[in-house]
Amino acid sequence: MVQGDYVIFLDADDELHKSALEIIAKLIQSNHIDILVYNTARSPFDSVDLIPFTVPFSDSQLLIDSEELKVKYIYSALLSDVSFGIIGNYAVRASVINNIRFRKDIIICEDLLFDIEMYTRADSILCIPDYLYFYRDNADGCVNSFNYKKIEDLKKVFDIRKSLIEKYGLKGNYELILKSFCGYVIYSYLGFIQNRKLCKEYV
């Protein structure tokens, strides 16, 4: 049960910037926003290097407070093949995600589907260029293994993103979600080839 007014997500393998909570609290208090979006960086499990996961409109601070701006920036980003729509790159007002649940019928991209519903509910979103979340790859994690159910689930995600295109008239994004679908499938298979195992939980 959520106790506070805002929620952030932090996976056990990942880290926040040492000043993340201070920065987040200050911006939330001064802007009274529903969601604060910040950049993340990823460290592959076989490397100490950090790879930027940049929001595609993160060069400067940007306030998104209308449906038109959400269509232009947020929905387009959720449909693109950039690393957007992942758990960890935002702080969200608890009331916005009230009654939103992670789907239990899929084992991949459930965070993206959660985010799609979350962003459609938000009235005000502030995006900042700061890197506050550091994602650490886990060689033993399910994301790095191949499973045929993932392919079925990715098709479900593809259909949901397609419905978003149709609802908001974002026809130019169809090719992007198709590329994203194919990319996920290839990435999942290569993860299996590299690790030579499946997640025991889903065998």
C-alpha atoms as a PDB file:
ATOM      1  CA  MET A   1       0.000   0.000   0.000  1.00  0.00           C
ATOM      2  CA  VAL A   2       1.295   3.450  -0.943  1.00  0.00           C
ATOM      3  CA  GLN A   3       1.829   5.732   2.059  1.00  0.00           C
ATOM      4  CA  GLY A   4       3.109   8.922   0.407  1.00  0.00           C
ATOM      5  CA  ASP A   5       1.839  11.318  -2.247  1.00  0.00           C
ATOM      6  CA  TYR A   6       4.318  10.225  -4.946  1.00  0.00           C
ATOM      7  CA  VAL A   7       5.803   6.919  -6.047  1.00  0.00           C
ATOM      8  CA  ILE A   8       9.148   6.014  -7.600  1.00  0.00           C
ATOM      9  CA  PHE A   9      10.161   2.546  -8.721  1.00  0.00           C
ATOM     10  CA  LEU A  10      13.575   1.051  -7.970  1.00  0.00           C
ATOM     11  CA  ASP A  11      14.554  -2.464  -8.958  1.00  0.00           C
ATOM     12  CA  ALA A  12      16.784  -4.390  -6.548  1.00  0.00           C
ATOM     13  CA  ASP A  13      19.615  -4.454  -9.132  1.00  0.00           C
ATOM     14  CA  ASP A  14      19.471  -0.740  -9.927  1.00  0.00           C
ATOM     15  CA  GLU A  15      20.579   2.521  -8.326  1.00  0.00           C
ATOM     16  CA  LEU A  16      19.411   6.101  -7.966  1.00  0.00           C
ATOM     17  CA  HIS A  17      21.687   9.108  -8.284  1.00  0.00           C
ATOM     18  CA  LYS A  18      22.850  10.150  -4.811  1.00  0.00           C
ATOM     19  CA  SER A  19      20.884  13.408  -5.083  1.00  0.00           C
ATOM     20  CA  ALA A  20      17.872  11.942  -6.881  1.00  0.00           C
ATOM     21  CA  LEU A  21      15.353  12.174  -4.056  1.00  0.00           C
ATOM     22  CA  GLU A  22      16.361  15.740  -3.238  1.00  0.00           C
ATOM     23  CA  ILE A  23      16.061  16.811  -6.883  1.00  0.00           C
ATOM     24  CA  ILE A  24      12.743  15.013  -7.334  1.00  0.00           C
ATOM     25  CA  ALA A  25      11.214  16.454  -4.160  1.00  0.00           C
ATOM     26  CA  LYS A  26      12.247  20.007  -5.024  1.00  0.00           C
ATOM     27  CA  LEU A  27      10.822  19.882  -8.550  1.00  0.00           C
ATOM     28  CA  ILE A  28       7.581  18.240  -7.466  1.00  0.00           C
ATOM     29  CA  GLN A  29       6.988  20.778  -4.708  1.00  0.00           C
ATOM     30  CA  SER A  30       7.689  23.774  -6.936  1.00  0.00           C
ATOM     31  CA  ASN A  31       5.738  22.607  -9.993  1.00  0.00           C
ATOM     32  CA  HIS A  32       2.809  20.595  -8.544  1.00  0.00           C
ATOM     33  CA  ILE A  33       2.984  18.056 -11.366  1.00  0.00           C
ATOM     34  CA  ASP A  34       1.541  14.575 -11.806  1.00  0.00           C
ATOM     35  CA  ILE A  35       4.691  12.993 -13.246  1.00  0.00           C
ATOM     36  CA  LEU A  36       8.371  13.953 -13.237  1.00  0.00           C
ATOM     37  CA  VAL A  37      10.324  12.222 -16.019  1.00  0.00           C
ATOM     38  CA  TYR A  38      14.126  12.006 -15.907  1.00  0.00           C
ATOM     39  CA  ASN A  39      16.805  10.229 -17.888  1.00  0.00           C
ATOM     40  CA  THR A  40      18.344   6.872 -17.095  1.00  0.00           C
ATOM     41  CA  ALA A  41      21.585   5.094 -17.955  1.00  0.00           C
ATOM     42  CA  ARG A  42      22.131   1.371 -18.419  1.00  0.00           C
ATOM     43  CA  SER A  43      25.126  -0.758 -17.533  1.00  0.00           C
ATOM     44  CA  PRO A  44      25.393  -4.084 -19.430  1.00  0.00           C
ATOM     45  CA  PHE A  45      26.061  -7.057 -17.162  1.00  0.00           C
ATOM     46  CA  ASP A  46      29.462  -7.654 -18.759  1.00  0.00           C
ATOM     47  CA  SER A  47      30.613  -4.023 -18.610  1.00  0.00           C
ATOM     48  CA  VAL A  48      31.081  -1.138 -16.199  1.00  0.00           C
ATOM     49  CA  ASP A  49      30.298   1.422 -18.900  1.00  0.00           C
ATOM     50  CA  LEU A  50      27.043   3.363 -18.757  1.00  0.00           C
ATOM     51  CA  ILE A  51      24.868   3.655 -21.863  1.00  0.00           C
ATOM     52  CA  PRO A  52      22.472   6.640 -21.864  1.00  0.00           C
ATOM     53  CA  PHE A  53      18.722   5.963 -22.048  1.00  0.00           C
ATOM     54  CA  THR A  54      17.654   9.430 -23.072  1.00  0.00           C
ATOM     55  CA  VAL A  55      14.112  10.654 -23.338  1.00  0.00           C
ATOM     56  CA  PRO A  56      13.787  11.867 -26.955  1.00  0.00           C
ATOM     57  CA  PHE A  57      12.853  15.412 -25.869  1.00  0.00           C
ATOM     58  CA  SER A  58      15.166  15.726 -22.884  1.00  0.00           C
ATOM     59  CA  ASP A  59      17.667  18.362 -24.001  1.00  0.00           C
ATOM     60  CA  SER A  60      16.055  20.886 -21.676  1.00  0.00           C
ATOM     61  CA  GLN A  61      13.268  21.077 -19.137  1.00  0.00           C
ATOM     62  CA  LEU A  62       9.854  20.619 -20.746  1.00  0.00           C
ATOM     63  CA  LEU A  63       6.391  20.963 -19.201  1.00  0.00           C
ATOM     64  CA  ILE A  64       3.662  18.936 -20.884  1.00  0.00           C
ATOM     65  CA  ASP A  65       0.265  20.099 -19.654  1.00  0.00           C
ATOM     66  CA  SER A  66      -2.182  19.543 -22.506  1.00  0.00           C
ATOM     67  CA  GLU A  67      -3.509  16.624 -24.523  1.00  0.00           C
ATOM     68  CA  GLU A  68      -1.953  18.113 -27.662  1.00  0.00           C
ATOM     69  CA  LEU A  69       1.497  18.124 -26.056  1.00  0.00           C
ATOM     70  CA  LYS A  70       1.024  14.590 -24.746  1.00  0.00           C
ATOM     71  CA  VAL A  71       0.209  13.410 -28.261  1.00  0.00           C
ATOM     72  CA  LYS A  72       3.237  15.246 -29.681  1.00  0.00           C
ATOM     73  CA  TYR A  73       5.783  14.117 -27.104  1.00  0.00           C
ATOM     74  CA  ILE A  74       4.599  11.351 -24.756  1.00  0.00           C
ATOM     75  CA  TYR A  75       2.470   9.140 -26.988  1.00  0.00           C
ATOM     76  CA  SER A  76       4.876   9.451 -29.894  1.00  0.00           C
ATOM     77  CA  ALA A  77       7.746   8.418 -27.600  1.00  0.00           C
ATOM     78  CA  LEU A  78       5.783   5.443 -26.252  1.00  0.00           C
ATOM     79  CA  LEU A  79       5.314   4.293 -29.840  1.00  0.00           C
ATOM     80  CA  SER A  80       8.890   4.808 -30.925  1.00  0.00           C
ATOM     81  CA  ASP A  81      11.807   2.426 -30.550  1.00  0.00           C
ATOM     82  CA  VAL A  82      13.616   4.614 -28.000  1.00  0.00           C
ATOM     83  CA  SER A  83      13.960   3.580 -24.377  1.00  0.00           C
ATOM     84  CA  PHE A  84      10.852   5.283 -23.085  1.00  0.00           C
ATOM     85  CA  GLY A  85       8.013   3.721 -21.185  1.00  0.00           C
ATOM     86  CA  ILE A  86      10.180   1.814 -18.710  1.00  0.00           C
ATOM     87  CA  ILE A  87       9.697   1.569 -14.973  1.00  0.00           C
ATOM     88  CA  GLY A  88      12.280   3.665 -13.157  1.00  0.00           C
ATOM     89  CA  ASN A  89      12.542   6.857 -15.185  1.00  0.00           C
ATOM     90  CA  TYR A  90       9.869   8.841 -13.359  1.00  0.00           C
ATOM     91  CA  ALA A  91       8.200   9.838 -10.105  1.00  0.00           C
ATOM     92  CA  VAL A  92       4.406   9.770 -10.275  1.00  0.00           C
ATOM     93  CA  ARG A  93       1.602  11.104  -8.095  1.00  0.00           C
ATOM     94  CA  ALA A  94       0.083   8.126  -6.277  1.00  0.00           C
ATOM     95  CA  SER A  95      -3.475   9.064  -7.201  1.00  0.00           C
ATOM     96  CA  VAL A  96      -2.596   8.865 -10.919  1.00  0.00           C
ATOM     97  CA  ILE A  97      -1.709   5.169 -10.712  1.00  0.00           C
ATOM     98  CA  ASN A  98      -4.491   4.246  -8.307  1.00  0.00           C
ATOM     99  CA  ASN A  99      -6.079   1.001  -9.563  1.00  0.00           C
ATOM    100  CA  ILE A 100      -3.512   0.532 -12.363  1.00  0.00           C
ATOM    101  CA  ARG A 101      -1.999  -2.930 -12.093  1.00  0.00           C
ATOM    102  CA  PHE A 102       0.841  -4.683 -13.861  1.00  0.00           C
ATOM    103  CA  ARG A 103      -0.618  -7.328 -16.113  1.00  0.00           C
ATOM    104  CA  LYS A 104      -0.033 -10.849 -14.842  1.00  0.00           C
ATOM    105  CA  ASP A 105      -0.805 -12.535 -18.142  1.00  0.00           C
ATOM    106  CA  ILE A 106       2.394 -11.328 -19.843  1.00  0.00           C
ATOM    107  CA  ILE A 107       6.081 -11.682 -18.947  1.00  0.00           C
ATOM    108  CA  ILE A 108       7.591  -8.868 -21.022  1.00  0.00           C
ATOM    109  CA  CYS A 109       6.800  -5.172 -21.598  1.00  0.00           C
ATOM    110  CA  GLU A 110       4.305  -5.081 -18.747  1.00  0.00           C
ATOM    111  CA  ASP A 111       6.002  -1.847 -17.640  1.00  0.00           C
ATOM    112  CA  LEU A 112       5.287  -0.262 -21.037  1.00  0.00           C
ATOM    113  CA  LEU A 113       1.591  -1.135 -20.798  1.00  0.00           C
ATOM    114  CA  PHE A 114       1.483   0.226 -17.241  1.00  0.00           C
ATOM    115  CA  ASP A 115       3.081   3.457 -18.447  1.00  0.00           C
ATOM    116  CA  ILE A 116       0.706   3.885 -21.371  1.00  0.00           C
ATOM    117  CA  GLU A 117      -2.258   3.851 -19.003  1.00  0.00           C
ATOM    118  CA  MET A 118      -0.443   6.058 -16.490  1.00  0.00           C
ATOM    119  CA  TYR A 119       0.442   8.779 -18.997  1.00  0.00           C
ATOM    120  CA  THR A 120      -3.079   8.911 -20.405  1.00  0.00           C
ATOM    121  CA  ARG A 121      -4.333   9.745 -16.881  1.00  0.00           C
ATOM    122  CA  ALA A 122      -1.778  12.470 -16.101  1.00  0.00           C
ATOM    123  CA  ASP A 123      -2.653  16.147 -16.537  1.00  0.00           C
ATOM    124  CA  SER A 124       0.845  17.581 -16.111  1.00  0.00           C
ATOM    125  CA  ILE A 125       4.238  16.025 -16.869  1.00  0.00           C
ATOM    126  CA  LEU A 126       7.603  17.686 -16.334  1.00  0.00           C
ATOM    127  CA  CYS A 127      10.564  16.228 -18.242  1.00  0.00           C
ATOM    128  CA  ILE A 128      14.111  17.069 -17.160  1.00  0.00           C
ATOM    129  CA  PRO A 129      17.493  16.149 -18.712  1.00  0.00           C
ATOM    130  CA  ASP A 130      19.079  14.909 -15.456  1.00  0.00           C
ATOM    131  CA  TYR A 131      20.282  11.296 -15.210  1.00  0.00           C
ATOM    132  CA  LEU A 132      18.792  10.080 -11.936  1.00  0.00           C
ATOM    133  CA  TYR A 133      18.277   6.329 -12.467  1.00  0.00           C
ATOM    134  CA  PHE A 134      20.939   3.724 -13.265  1.00  0.00           C
ATOM    135  CA  TYR A 135      19.740   0.436 -14.682  1.00  0.00           C
ATOM    136  CA  ARG A 136      22.000  -2.578 -14.127  1.00  0.00           C
ATOM    137  CA  ASP A 137      21.632  -5.537 -16.473  1.00  0.00           C
ATOM    138  CA  ASN A 138      21.331  -8.904 -14.772  1.00  0.00           C
ATOM    139  CA  ALA A 139      22.805 -11.802 -16.749  1.00  0.00           C
ATOM    140  CA  ASP A 140      20.471 -14.196 -14.934  1.00  0.00           C
ATOM    141  CA  GLY A 141      17.373 -12.088 -15.432  1.00  0.00           C
ATOM    142  CA  CYS A 142      14.373 -13.144 -17.459  1.00  0.00           C
ATOM    143  CA  VAL A 143      14.840 -10.269 -19.880  1.00  0.00           C
ATOM    144  CA  ASN A 144      18.063 -11.938 -21.067  1.00  0.00           C
ATOM    145  CA  SER A 145      16.487 -15.292 -21.835  1.00  0.00           C
ATOM    146  CA  PHE A 146      14.400 -16.607 -24.694  1.00  0.00           C
ATOM    147  CA  ASN A 147      10.881 -17.906 -24.197  1.00  0.00           C
ATOM    148  CA  TYR A 148       8.230 -18.513 -26.823  1.00  0.00           C
ATOM    149  CA  LYS A 149       5.606 -16.912 -24.586  1.00  0.00           C
ATOM    150  CA  LYS A 150       7.530 -13.663 -24.970  1.00  0.00           C
ATOM    151  CA  ILE A 151       6.717 -13.679 -28.676  1.00  0.00           C
ATOM    152  CA  GLU A 152       3.005 -14.100 -27.926  1.00  0.00           C
ATOM    153  CA  ASP A 153       3.156 -11.301 -25.356  1.00  0.00           C
ATOM    154  CA  LEU A 154       5.028  -8.976 -27.696  1.00  0.00           C
ATOM    155  CA  LYS A 155       2.197  -9.411 -30.203  1.00  0.00           C
ATOM    156  CA  LYS A 156      -0.277  -8.308 -27.509  1.00  0.00           C
ATOM    157  CA  VAL A 157       1.857  -5.247 -26.809  1.00  0.00           C
ATOM    158  CA  PHE A 158       2.085  -4.520 -30.533  1.00  0.00           C
ATOM    159  CA  ASP A 159      -1.711  -4.561 -30.795  1.00  0.00           C
ATOM    160  CA  ILE A 160      -2.097  -2.162 -27.847  1.00  0.00           C
ATOM    161  CA  ARG A 161       0.428   0.267 -29.315  1.00  0.00           C
ATOM    162  CA  LYS A 162      -1.356  -0.001 -32.653  1.00  0.00           C
ATOM    163  CA  SER A 163      -4.641   0.976 -30.977  1.00  0.00           C
ATOM    164  CA  LEU A 164      -2.860   4.037 -29.531  1.00  0.00           C
ATOM    165  CA  ILE A 165      -1.823   5.007 -33.063  1.00  0.00           C
ATOM    166  CA  GLU A 166      -5.401   4.694 -34.280  1.00  0.00           C
ATOM    167  CA  LYS A 167      -6.890   6.608 -31.333  1.00  0.00           C
ATOM    168  CA  TYR A 168      -4.583   9.618 -31.635  1.00  0.00           C
ATOM    169  CA  GLY A 169      -4.011   9.622 -35.395  1.00  0.00           C
ATOM    170  CA  LEU A 170      -0.301   8.840 -35.168  1.00  0.00           C
ATOM    171  CA  LYS A 171      -0.161   6.906 -38.430  1.00  0.00           C
ATOM    172  CA  GLY A 172       3.485   7.792 -39.025  1.00  0.00           C
ATOM    173  CA  ASN A 173       4.466   5.672 -36.024  1.00  0.00           C
ATOM    174  CA  TYR A 174       3.244   2.340 -37.416  1.00  0.00           C
ATOM    175  CA  GLU A 175       6.593   1.456 -38.945  1.00  0.00           C
ATOM    176  CA  LEU A 176       8.287   2.303 -35.635  1.00  0.00           C
ATOM    177  CA  ILE A 177       6.195  -0.099 -33.561  1.00  0.00           C
ATOM    178  CA  LEU A 178       6.711  -2.805 -36.191  1.00  0.00           C
ATOM    179  CA  LYS A 179      10.488  -2.279 -35.980  1.00  0.00           C
ATOM    180  CA  SER A 180      10.250  -2.261 -32.193  1.00  0.00           C
ATOM    181  CA  PHE A 181       8.353  -5.562 -32.211  1.00  0.00           C
ATOM    182  CA  CYS A 182      10.940  -7.182 -34.481  1.00  0.00           C
ATOM    183  CA  GLY A 183      13.765  -5.702 -32.412  1.00  0.00           C
ATOM    184  CA  TYR A 184      12.375  -7.126 -29.178  1.00  0.00           C
ATOM    185  CA  VAL A 185      12.078 -10.568 -30.753  1.00  0.00           C
ATOM    186  CA  ILE A 186      15.666 -10.483 -32.048  1.00  0.00           C
ATOM    187  CA  TYR A 187      17.006  -9.091 -28.756  1.00  0.00           C
ATOM    188  CA  SER A 188      15.196 -11.791 -26.788  1.00  0.00           C
ATOM    189  CA  TYR A 189      16.577 -14.555 -29.010  1.00  0.00           C
ATOM    190  CA  LEU A 190      20.127 -13.202 -28.912  1.00  0.00           C
ATOM    191  CA  GLY A 191      19.880 -13.020 -25.132  1.00  0.00           C
ATOM    192  CA  PHE A 192      19.118 -16.746 -25.117  1.00  0.00           C
ATOM    193  CA  ILE A 193      22.006 -17.517 -27.457  1.00  0.00           C
ATOM    194  CA  GLN A 194      24.371 -15.527 -25.256  1.00  0.00           C
ATOM    195  CA  ASN A 195      23.234 -16.970 -21.943  1.00  0.00           C
ATOM    196  CA  ARG A 196      22.303 -20.478 -23.113  1.00  0.00           C
ATOM    197  CA  LYS A 197      19.431 -20.848 -20.659  1.00  0.00           C
ATOM    198  CA  LEU A 198      15.796 -20.059 -19.984  1.00  0.00           C
ATOM    199  CA  CYS A 199      14.348 -18.560 -16.840  1.00  0.00           C
ATOM    200  CA  LYS A 200      13.398 -21.552 -14.700  1.00  0.00           C
ATOM    201  CA  GLU A 201      10.247 -19.748 -13.635  1.00  0.00           C
ATOM    202  CA  TYR A 202       8.830 -19.912 -17.167  1.00  0.00           C
ATOM    203  CA  VAL A 203      10.162 -23.228 -18.481  1.00  0.00           C
END
